[in-house]
């Protein structure tokens, strides 16, 4: 099974278990995750978030909304306009 198919087949219970293991650095049985296990599990959690959860529920989501409905700061994913000034 490839990574994408694994994410598609992942149940919410498995997702929660992986997420908890990454948070604590150990499996439910108390055994510590290796660095490779932690990295792969985190990738799986993020991939599951991206495909199955709304944006505001995803790992790492930061709500930039002010009380008046506007946003704090700029969206880091929005392209930025560059201005080139010539001093001739």
PDB file of N, CA and C in Angstrom:
ATOM      1  N   UNK A   1       0.853  -1.178   0.000  1.00  0.00           N
ATOM      2  CA  UNK A   1       0.000   0.000   0.000  1.00  0.00           C
ATOM      3  C   UNK A   1       0.897   1.238   0.000  1.00  0.00           C
ATOM      4  N   UNK A   2       0.605   2.178  -0.906  1.00  0.00           N
ATOM      5  CA  UNK A   2       1.410   3.397  -0.924  1.00  0.00           C
ATOM      6  C   UNK A   2       0.882   4.412   0.100  1.00  0.00           C
ATOM      7  N   UNK A   3       1.642   5.468   0.307  1.00  0.00           N
ATOM      8  CA  UNK A   3       1.336   6.461   1.336  1.00  0.00           C
ATOM      9  C   UNK A   3      -0.037   7.099   1.119  1.00  0.00           C
ATOM     10  N   UNK A   4      -0.351   7.473  -0.110  1.00  0.00           N
ATOM     11  CA  UNK A   4      -1.630   8.128  -0.411  1.00  0.00           C
ATOM     12  C   UNK A   4      -2.808   7.207  -0.107  1.00  0.00           C
ATOM     13  N   UNK A   5      -2.714   5.955  -0.496  1.00  0.00           N
ATOM     14  CA  UNK A   5      -3.793   5.009  -0.227  1.00  0.00           C
ATOM     15  C   UNK A   5      -3.934   4.759   1.271  1.00  0.00           C
ATOM     16  N   UNK A   6      -2.803   4.753   1.974  1.00  0.00           N
ATOM     17  CA  UNK A   6      -2.846   4.562   3.423  1.00  0.00           C
ATOM     18  C   UNK A   6      -3.614   5.720   4.078  1.00  0.00           C
ATOM     19  N   UNK A   7      -3.366   6.936   3.638  1.00  0.00           N
ATOM     20  CA  UNK A   7      -4.057   8.110   4.197  1.00  0.00           C
ATOM     21  C   UNK A   7      -5.547   8.038   3.882  1.00  0.00           C
ATOM     22  N   UNK A   8      -5.892   7.646   2.659  1.00  0.00           N
ATOM     23  CA  UNK A   8      -7.300   7.526   2.284  1.00  0.00           C
ATOM     24  C   UNK A   8      -8.031   6.480   3.119  1.00  0.00           C
ATOM     25  N   UNK A   9      -7.333   5.411   3.490  1.00  0.00           N
ATOM     26  CA  UNK A   9      -7.949   4.323   4.248  1.00  0.00           C
ATOM     27  C   UNK A   9      -7.896   4.541   5.767  1.00  0.00           C
ATOM     28  N   UNK A  10      -7.164   5.564   6.209  1.00  0.00           N
ATOM     29  CA  UNK A  10      -6.977   5.783   7.647  1.00  0.00           C
ATOM     30  C   UNK A  10      -8.292   6.164   8.333  1.00  0.00           C
ATOM     31  N   UNK A  11      -8.562   5.514   9.441  1.00  0.00           N
ATOM     32  CA  UNK A  11      -9.775   5.821  10.220  1.00  0.00           C
ATOM     33  C   UNK A  11      -9.480   6.975  11.175  1.00  0.00           C
ATOM     34  N   UNK A  12     -10.510   7.663  11.638  1.00  0.00           N
ATOM     35  CA  UNK A  12     -10.302   8.728  12.622  1.00  0.00           C
ATOM     36  C   UNK A  12      -9.607   8.224  13.890  1.00  0.00           C
ATOM     37  N   UNK A  13      -9.860   6.980  14.273  1.00  0.00           N
ATOM     38  CA  UNK A  13      -9.226   6.430  15.477  1.00  0.00           C
ATOM     39  C   UNK A  13      -7.719   6.258  15.279  1.00  0.00           C
ATOM     40  N   UNK A  14      -7.321   5.762  14.117  1.00  0.00           N
ATOM     41  CA  UNK A  14      -5.893   5.601  13.822  1.00  0.00           C
ATOM     42  C   UNK A  14      -5.234   6.975  13.752  1.00  0.00           C
ATOM     43  N   UNK A  15      -5.909   7.926  13.117  1.00  0.00           N
ATOM     44  CA  UNK A  15      -5.397   9.301  13.039  1.00  0.00           C
ATOM     45  C   UNK A  15      -5.145   9.863  14.443  1.00  0.00           C
ATOM     46  N   UNK A  16      -6.122   9.731  15.335  1.00  0.00           N
ATOM     47  CA  UNK A  16      -5.974  10.249  16.696  1.00  0.00           C
ATOM     48  C   UNK A  16      -4.824   9.555  17.423  1.00  0.00           C
ATOM     49  N   UNK A  17      -4.671   8.262  17.216  1.00  0.00           N
ATOM     50  CA  UNK A  17      -3.595   7.513  17.848  1.00  0.00           C
ATOM     51  C   UNK A  17      -2.230   7.987  17.348  1.00  0.00           C
ATOM     52  N   UNK A  18      -2.097   8.190  16.034  1.00  0.00           N
ATOM     53  CA  UNK A  18      -0.841   8.692  15.478  1.00  0.00           C
ATOM     54  C   UNK A  18      -0.542  10.103  15.974  1.00  0.00           C
ATOM     55  N   UNK A  19      -1.568  10.934  15.991  1.00  0.00           N
ATOM     56  CA  UNK A  19      -1.391  12.316  16.438  1.00  0.00           C
ATOM     57  C   UNK A  19      -0.915  12.352  17.896  1.00  0.00           C
ATOM     58  N   UNK A  20      -1.522  11.522  18.729  1.00  0.00           N
ATOM     59  CA  UNK A  20      -1.142  11.452  20.141  1.00  0.00           C
ATOM     60  C   UNK A  20       0.290  10.924  20.294  1.00  0.00           C
ATOM     61  N   UNK A  21       0.654   9.931  19.485  1.00  0.00           N
ATOM     62  CA  UNK A  21       2.004   9.381  19.544  1.00  0.00           C
ATOM     63  C   UNK A  21       3.040  10.445  19.184  1.00  0.00           C
ATOM     64  N   UNK A  22       2.735  11.253  18.174  1.00  0.00           N
ATOM     65  CA  UNK A  22       3.659  12.329  17.781  1.00  0.00           C
ATOM     66  C   UNK A  22       3.758  13.362  18.894  1.00  0.00           C
ATOM     67  N   UNK A  23       2.619  13.717  19.496  1.00  0.00           N
ATOM     68  CA  UNK A  23       2.612  14.715  20.574  1.00  0.00           C
ATOM     69  C   UNK A  23       3.443  14.258  21.768  1.00  0.00           C
ATOM     70  N   UNK A  24       3.297  12.991  22.149  1.00  0.00           N
ATOM     71  CA  UNK A  24       3.965  12.476  23.348  1.00  0.00           C
ATOM     72  C   UNK A  24       5.351  11.900  23.074  1.00  0.00           C
ATOM     73  N   UNK A  25       5.603  11.541  21.805  1.00  0.00           N
ATOM     74  CA  UNK A  25       6.881  10.931  21.465  1.00  0.00           C
ATOM     75  C   UNK A  25       6.947   9.458  21.825  1.00  0.00           C
ATOM     76  N   UNK A  26       5.793   8.859  22.068  1.00  0.00           N
ATOM     77  CA  UNK A  26       5.768   7.428  22.379  1.00  0.00           C
ATOM     78  C   UNK A  26       4.460   6.806  21.918  1.00  0.00           C
ATOM     79  N   UNK A  27       4.507   5.485  21.696  1.00  0.00           N
ATOM     80  CA  UNK A  27       3.337   4.729  21.293  1.00  0.00           C
ATOM     81  C   UNK A  27       2.435   4.492  22.503  1.00  0.00           C
ATOM     82  N   UNK A  28       1.176   4.087  22.267  1.00  0.00           N
ATOM     83  CA  UNK A  28       0.280   3.832  23.398  1.00  0.00           C
ATOM     84  C   UNK A  28       0.826   2.827  24.418  1.00  0.00           C
ATOM     85  N   UNK A  29       1.703   1.898  23.974  1.00  0.00           N
ATOM     86  CA  UNK A  29       2.277   0.925  24.905  1.00  0.00           C
ATOM     87  C   UNK A  29       3.462   1.486  25.697  1.00  0.00           C
ATOM     88  N   UNK A  30       3.806   2.756  25.469  1.00  0.00           N
ATOM     89  CA  UNK A  30       4.881   3.400  26.205  1.00  0.00           C
ATOM     90  C   UNK A  30       6.223   3.391  25.508  1.00  0.00           C
ATOM     91  N   UNK A  31       6.356   2.634  24.426  1.00  0.00           N
ATOM     92  CA  UNK A  31       7.620   2.570  23.691  1.00  0.00           C
ATOM     93  C   UNK A  31       7.857   3.881  22.950  1.00  0.00           C
ATOM     94  N   UNK A  32       9.086   4.399  23.042  1.00  0.00           N
ATOM     95  CA  UNK A  32       9.412   5.666  22.386  1.00  0.00           C
ATOM     96  C   UNK A  32       9.443   5.520  20.865  1.00  0.00           C
ATOM     97  N   UNK A  33       8.982   6.565  20.166  1.00  0.00           N
ATOM     98  CA  UNK A  33       9.067   6.591  18.710  1.00  0.00           C
ATOM     99  C   UNK A  33      10.507   6.858  18.308  1.00  0.00           C
ATOM    100  N   UNK A  34      10.960   6.186  17.258  1.00  0.00           N
ATOM    101  CA  UNK A  34      12.255   6.530  16.691  1.00  0.00           C
ATOM    102  C   UNK A  34      12.075   7.835  15.912  1.00  0.00           C
ATOM    103  N   UNK A  35      13.164   8.458  15.556  1.00  0.00           N
ATOM    104  CA  UNK A  35      13.077   9.700  14.776  1.00  0.00           C
ATOM    105  C   UNK A  35      12.360   9.451  13.446  1.00  0.00           C
ATOM    106  N   UNK A  36      12.641   8.318  12.810  1.00  0.00           N
ATOM    107  CA  UNK A  36      11.996   7.982  11.538  1.00  0.00           C
ATOM    108  C   UNK A  36      10.491   7.752  11.738  1.00  0.00           C
ATOM    109  N   UNK A  37      10.114   7.071  12.807  1.00  0.00           N
ATOM    110  CA  UNK A  37       8.698   6.838  13.094  1.00  0.00           C
ATOM    111  C   UNK A  37       7.974   8.151  13.363  1.00  0.00           C
ATOM    112  N   UNK A  38       8.627   9.028  14.099  1.00  0.00           N
ATOM    113  CA  UNK A  38       8.014  10.323  14.407  1.00  0.00           C
ATOM    114  C   UNK A  38       7.808  11.140  13.136  1.00  0.00           C
ATOM    115  N   UNK A  39       8.816  11.151  12.274  1.00  0.00           N
ATOM    116  CA  UNK A  39       8.728  11.907  11.028  1.00  0.00           C
ATOM    117  C   UNK A  39       7.626  11.349  10.122  1.00  0.00           C
ATOM    118  N   UNK A  40       7.581  10.032   9.959  1.00  0.00           N
ATOM    119  CA  UNK A  40       6.569   9.411   9.109  1.00  0.00           C
ATOM    120  C   UNK A  40       5.167   9.608   9.685  1.00  0.00           C
ATOM    121  N   UNK A  41       5.038   9.475  10.996  1.00  0.00           N
ATOM    122  CA  UNK A  41       3.737   9.661  11.645  1.00  0.00           C
ATOM    123  C   UNK A  41       3.264  11.103  11.507  1.00  0.00           C
ATOM    124  N   UNK A  42       4.167  12.057  11.659  1.00  0.00           N
ATOM    125  CA  UNK A  42       3.801  13.463  11.506  1.00  0.00           C
ATOM    126  C   UNK A  42       3.374  13.752  10.071  1.00  0.00           C
ATOM    127  N   UNK A  43       4.091  13.192   9.101  1.00  0.00           N
ATOM    128  CA  UNK A  43       3.694  13.358   7.699  1.00  0.00           C
ATOM    129  C   UNK A  43       2.293  12.795   7.469  1.00  0.00           C
ATOM    130  N   UNK A  44       1.985  11.656   8.081  1.00  0.00           N
ATOM    131  CA  UNK A  44       0.664  11.039   7.928  1.00  0.00           C
ATOM    132  C   UNK A  44      -0.418  11.904   8.560  1.00  0.00           C
ATOM    133  N   UNK A  45      -0.129  12.465   9.736  1.00  0.00           N
ATOM    134  CA  UNK A  45      -1.099  13.337  10.417  1.00  0.00           C
ATOM    135  C   UNK A  45      -1.384  14.569   9.561  1.00  0.00           C
ATOM    136  N   UNK A  46      -0.353  15.184   9.036  1.00  0.00           N
ATOM    137  CA  UNK A  46      -0.523  16.380   8.210  1.00  0.00           C
ATOM    138  C   UNK A  46      -1.280  16.044   6.920  1.00  0.00           C
ATOM    139  N   UNK A  47      -0.947  14.920   6.287  1.00  0.00           N
ATOM    140  CA  UNK A  47      -1.638  14.515   5.058  1.00  0.00           C
ATOM    141  C   UNK A  47      -3.110  14.229   5.334  1.00  0.00           C
ATOM    142  N   UNK A  48      -3.399  13.574   6.440  1.00  0.00           N
ATOM    143  CA  UNK A  48      -4.795  13.302   6.814  1.00  0.00           C
ATOM    144  C   UNK A  48      -5.531  14.625   7.026  1.00  0.00           C
ATOM    145  N   UNK A  49      -4.897  15.543   7.760  1.00  0.00           N
ATOM    146  CA  UNK A  49      -5.494  16.863   7.990  1.00  0.00           C
ATOM    147  C   UNK A  49      -5.869  17.533   6.667  1.00  0.00           C
ATOM    148  N   UNK A  50      -4.926  17.541   5.736  1.00  0.00           N
ATOM    149  CA  UNK A  50      -5.121  18.228   4.459  1.00  0.00           C
ATOM    150  C   UNK A  50      -6.270  17.640   3.645  1.00  0.00           C
ATOM    151  N   UNK A  51      -6.450  16.329   3.732  1.00  0.00           N
ATOM    152  CA  UNK A  51      -7.454  15.692   2.879  1.00  0.00           C
ATOM    153  C   UNK A  51      -8.807  15.493   3.546  1.00  0.00           C
ATOM    154  N   UNK A  52      -8.834  15.466   4.880  1.00  0.00           N
ATOM    155  CA  UNK A  52     -10.089  15.084   5.541  1.00  0.00           C
ATOM    156  C   UNK A  52     -10.650  16.107   6.522  1.00  0.00           C
ATOM    157  N   UNK A  53      -9.908  17.134   6.865  1.00  0.00           N
ATOM    158  CA  UNK A  53     -10.381  18.085   7.869  1.00  0.00           C
ATOM    159  C   UNK A  53     -10.526  19.483   7.286  1.00  0.00           C
ATOM    160  N   UNK A  54     -11.484  20.272   7.783  1.00  0.00           N
ATOM    161  CA  UNK A  54     -11.564  21.678   7.360  1.00  0.00           C
ATOM    162  C   UNK A  54     -10.333  22.429   7.876  1.00  0.00           C
ATOM    163  N   UNK A  55      -9.997  23.514   7.216  1.00  0.00           N
ATOM    164  CA  UNK A  55      -8.762  24.247   7.523  1.00  0.00           C
ATOM    165  C   UNK A  55      -8.623  24.593   9.007  1.00  0.00           C
ATOM    166  N   UNK A  56      -9.692  25.039   9.648  1.00  0.00           N
ATOM    167  CA  UNK A  56      -9.593  25.492  11.034  1.00  0.00           C
ATOM    168  C   UNK A  56      -9.356  24.349  12.028  1.00  0.00           C
ATOM    169  N   UNK A  57      -9.482  23.094  11.598  1.00  0.00           N
ATOM    170  CA  UNK A  57      -9.237  21.949  12.476  1.00  0.00           C
ATOM    171  C   UNK A  57      -7.880  21.290  12.234  1.00  0.00           C
ATOM    172  N   UNK A  58      -7.119  21.788  11.279  1.00  0.00           N
ATOM    173  CA  UNK A  58      -5.851  21.160  10.908  1.00  0.00           C
ATOM    174  C   UNK A  58      -4.739  21.458  11.912  1.00  0.00           C
ATOM    175  N   UNK A  59      -3.795  20.523  11.999  1.00  0.00           N
ATOM    176  CA  UNK A  59      -2.623  20.694  12.837  1.00  0.00           C
ATOM    177  C   UNK A  59      -1.870  21.951  12.402  1.00  0.00           C
ATOM    178  N   UNK A  60      -1.562  22.819  13.357  1.00  0.00           N
ATOM    179  CA  UNK A  60      -0.799  24.024  13.064  1.00  0.00           C
ATOM    180  C   UNK A  60      -1.629  25.214  12.609  1.00  0.00           C
ATOM    181  N   UNK A  61      -2.952  25.083  12.540  1.00  0.00           N
ATOM    182  CA  UNK A  61      -3.791  26.194  12.093  1.00  0.00           C
ATOM    183  C   UNK A  61      -3.688  27.361  13.073  1.00  0.00           C
ATOM    184  N   UNK A  62      -3.523  28.556  12.541  1.00  0.00           N
ATOM    185  CA  UNK A  62      -3.501  29.774  13.352  1.00  0.00           C
ATOM    186  C   UNK A  62      -4.646  30.667  12.874  1.00  0.00           C
ATOM    187  N   UNK A  63      -5.545  30.973  13.769  1.00  0.00           N
ATOM    188  CA  UNK A  63      -6.667  31.850  13.427  1.00  0.00           C
ATOM    189  C   UNK A  63      -6.172  33.290  13.444  1.00  0.00           C
ATOM    190  N   UNK A  64      -6.165  33.925  12.290  1.00  0.00           N
ATOM    191  CA  UNK A  64      -5.662  35.296  12.156  1.00  0.00           C
ATOM    192  C   UNK A  64      -6.787  36.329  12.170  1.00  0.00           C
ATOM    193  N   UNK A  65      -8.000  35.912  12.545  1.00  0.00           N
ATOM    194  CA  UNK A  65      -9.151  36.808  12.515  1.00  0.00           C
ATOM    195  C   UNK A  65      -9.188  37.705  13.751  1.00  0.00           C
ATOM    196  N   UNK A  66      -9.348  39.008  13.509  1.00  0.00           N
ATOM    197  CA  UNK A  66      -9.529  39.967  14.603  1.00  0.00           C
ATOM    198  C   UNK A  66     -11.003  39.992  14.993  1.00  0.00           C
ATOM    199  N   UNK A  67     -11.324  40.659  16.088  1.00  0.00           N
ATOM    200  CA  UNK A  67     -12.713  40.749  16.548  1.00  0.00           C
ATOM    201  C   UNK A  67     -13.612  41.419  15.513  1.00  0.00           C
ATOM    202  N   UNK A  68     -13.052  42.350  14.720  1.00  0.00           N
ATOM    203  CA  UNK A  68     -13.865  43.040  13.713  1.00  0.00           C
ATOM    204  C   UNK A  68     -14.002  42.252  12.403  1.00  0.00           C
ATOM    205  N   UNK A  69     -13.425  41.053  12.348  1.00  0.00           N
ATOM    206  CA  UNK A  69     -13.542  40.212  11.162  1.00  0.00           C
ATOM    207  C   UNK A  69     -12.377  40.319  10.195  1.00  0.00           C
ATOM    208  N   UNK A  70     -11.538  41.354  10.352  1.00  0.00           N
ATOM    209  CA  UNK A  70     -10.378  41.475   9.477  1.00  0.00           C
ATOM    210  C   UNK A  70      -9.288  40.510   9.961  1.00  0.00           C
ATOM    211  N   UNK A  71      -8.215  40.400   9.189  1.00  0.00           N
ATOM    212  CA  UNK A  71      -7.147  39.454   9.495  1.00  0.00           C
ATOM    213  C   UNK A  71      -5.917  40.177  10.050  1.00  0.00           C
ATOM    214  N   UNK A  72      -5.235  39.519  11.001  1.00  0.00           N
ATOM    215  CA  UNK A  72      -3.943  39.998  11.494  1.00  0.00           C
ATOM    216  C   UNK A  72      -2.881  39.675  10.453  1.00  0.00           C
ATOM    217  N   UNK A  73      -2.034  40.621  10.145  1.00  0.00           N
ATOM    218  CA  UNK A  73      -0.912  40.364   9.246  1.00  0.00           C
ATOM    219  C   UNK A  73      -1.347  39.932   7.859  1.00  0.00           C
ATOM    220  N   UNK A  74      -0.373  39.538   7.075  1.00  0.00           N
ATOM    221  CA  UNK A  74      -0.677  39.099   5.717  1.00  0.00           C
ATOM    222  C   UNK A  74      -0.687  37.580   5.663  1.00  0.00           C
ATOM    223  N   UNK A  75      -1.339  37.066   4.654  1.00  0.00           N
ATOM    224  CA  UNK A  75      -1.395  35.621   4.454  1.00  0.00           C
ATOM    225  C   UNK A  75      -0.054  35.187   3.872  1.00  0.00           C
ATOM    226  N   UNK A  76       0.686  34.318   4.565  1.00  0.00           N
ATOM    227  CA  UNK A  76       2.008  33.926   4.068  1.00  0.00           C
ATOM    228  C   UNK A  76       1.949  33.133   2.764  1.00  0.00           C
ATOM    229  N   UNK A  77       0.794  32.647   2.386  1.00  0.00           N
ATOM    230  CA  UNK A  77       0.674  31.891   1.143  1.00  0.00           C
ATOM    231  C   UNK A  77       0.293  32.757  -0.050  1.00  0.00           C
ATOM    232  N   UNK A  78      -0.071  34.015   0.199  1.00  0.00           N
ATOM    233  CA  UNK A  78      -0.422  34.928  -0.883  1.00  0.00           C
ATOM    234  C   UNK A  78       0.858  35.434  -1.563  1.00  0.00           C
ATOM    235  N   UNK A  79       0.835  35.533  -2.892  1.00  0.00           N
ATOM    236  CA  UNK A  79       2.014  36.069  -3.573  1.00  0.00           C
ATOM    237  C   UNK A  79       2.231  37.529  -3.193  1.00  0.00           C
ATOM    238  N   UNK A  80       3.470  37.931  -3.125  1.00  0.00           N
ATOM    239  CA  UNK A  80       3.796  39.310  -2.790  1.00  0.00           C
ATOM    240  C   UNK A  80       4.211  40.055  -4.053  1.00  0.00           C
ATOM    241  N   UNK A  81       3.811  41.307  -4.137  1.00  0.00           N
ATOM    242  CA  UNK A  81       4.163  42.150  -5.281  1.00  0.00           C
ATOM    243  C   UNK A  81       5.509  42.783  -5.001  1.00  0.00           C
ATOM    244  N   UNK A  82       6.413  42.654  -5.957  1.00  0.00           N
ATOM    245  CA  UNK A  82       7.724  43.281  -5.842  1.00  0.00           C
ATOM    246  C   UNK A  82       7.727  44.556  -6.652  1.00  0.00           C
ATOM    247  N   UNK A  83       8.274  45.629  -6.068  1.00  0.00           N
ATOM    248  CA  UNK A  83       8.404  46.900  -6.765  1.00  0.00           C
ATOM    249  C   UNK A  83       9.881  47.119  -7.057  1.00  0.00           C
ATOM    250  N   UNK A  84      10.204  47.335  -8.321  1.00  0.00           N
ATOM    251  CA  UNK A  84      11.593  47.586  -8.722  1.00  0.00           C
ATOM    252  C   UNK A  84      11.695  49.078  -9.015  1.00  0.00           C
ATOM    253  N   UNK A  85      12.552  49.732  -8.255  1.00  0.00           N
ATOM    254  CA  UNK A  85      12.734  51.165  -8.423  1.00  0.00           C
ATOM    255  C   UNK A  85      14.049  51.446  -9.127  1.00  0.00           C
ATOM    256  N   UNK A  86      13.991  52.295 -10.122  1.00  0.00           N
ATOM    257  CA  UNK A  86      15.194  52.706 -10.842  1.00  0.00           C
ATOM    258  C   UNK A  86      15.516  54.140 -10.467  1.00  0.00           C
ATOM    259  N   UNK A  87      16.719  54.396 -10.061  1.00  0.00           N
ATOM    260  CA  UNK A  87      17.145  55.755  -9.717  1.00  0.00           C
ATOM    261  C   UNK A  87      17.961  56.342 -10.874  1.00  0.00           C
ATOM    262  N   UNK A  88      17.289  56.612 -12.001  1.00  0.00           N
ATOM    263  CA  UNK A  88      17.988  57.209 -13.145  1.00  0.00           C
ATOM    264  C   UNK A  88      17.579  58.631 -13.305  1.00  0.00           C
TER     265      UNK A  88
END
